[in-house]
Amino acid sequence: MDRNSNGYTFLFAGIMVVVVGALLAFASTSLKPMQDINVKNEKMQNILSTIGVTDVTREEAQGKFDEFIKEQLALKVDGSADESVKAFNVDLKAELKKEPEEQRFPLYVAEKDGNKFYIIPLRGAGLWDAIWGYIALNDDFNTIAGVSFDHKAETPGLGAEIKQQWFLDYFKDEKIFDKDGKLTGVAVAKGNNDKVNKDDNKVDAISGATITGDGVTNMIKERLVHYKQYIDNQKGKLASNN
């Protein structure tokens, strides 16, 4: 075949597309198990960070997770546990497409330094795409021990700041119930500069990131509402034991 002909050019280009595509597919398939392990370990790191277990490498994640996480529950909307579902495998992205009665709500029960914590996964919408995270509650089921947030495509220097430690620190010791006992979550509010008052159910907003902040506010409340029955059940058990 004439190498200067159009036919030869198209044939060569076609062969290259097939070869490169095959190589990319092989690489993707070969690397997927490693990618899955990295995603799993990063998830464990984020869960642990809410209770102050930080500086955990991905190689250490499984061991530390097993050390601090004492129980994993996949809750139904009535607060009972679905023993047939493993909490860690629940995909919130998929669950959010279901009706609440069909969803399963993961909960991680942790112990650290003699204290018990309840860690709830979060997922919502930011300005451009999904945001997600975890919120850890003390055993009073009201006080926040810590949070972890992440995002897919928020604006650098603005909405992307939700994952920075200085913003996460705002949430520590905030309450999710108001003074009347109503579950309100924590709102990201402009001008809330009083970082001492931990009973106002508010943290200061990130300048220029109003929509992302609103997304965090909505995400926290929307997810926590589905755990209220479980919280009420646990408080009832504690009251009857006392």
Foldseek 3Di string as FASTA:
>chain_A
DPCPDPVVVVVVVVVVVVVVVVVVVVVCVVCVVVVVLQVLLVVLQQQVVQQPPHPADSVRSVVVSPVWFDDKFFAALLQDGDPVDGLSPFDVVVQVVDDSRPHTWIWTWTDDPRWIKIKGKWWWAFDPGIKIWIWIDTPLQWFTQWIAIQDDDDDPPFLRCCRPPVNRVLRGRATQAAPVRHGQAAAADDPPPPSPDRRPSYGHHTPPRVRRRRGVSCRRRVSVNSNVSSSVVVVVVVVVVD
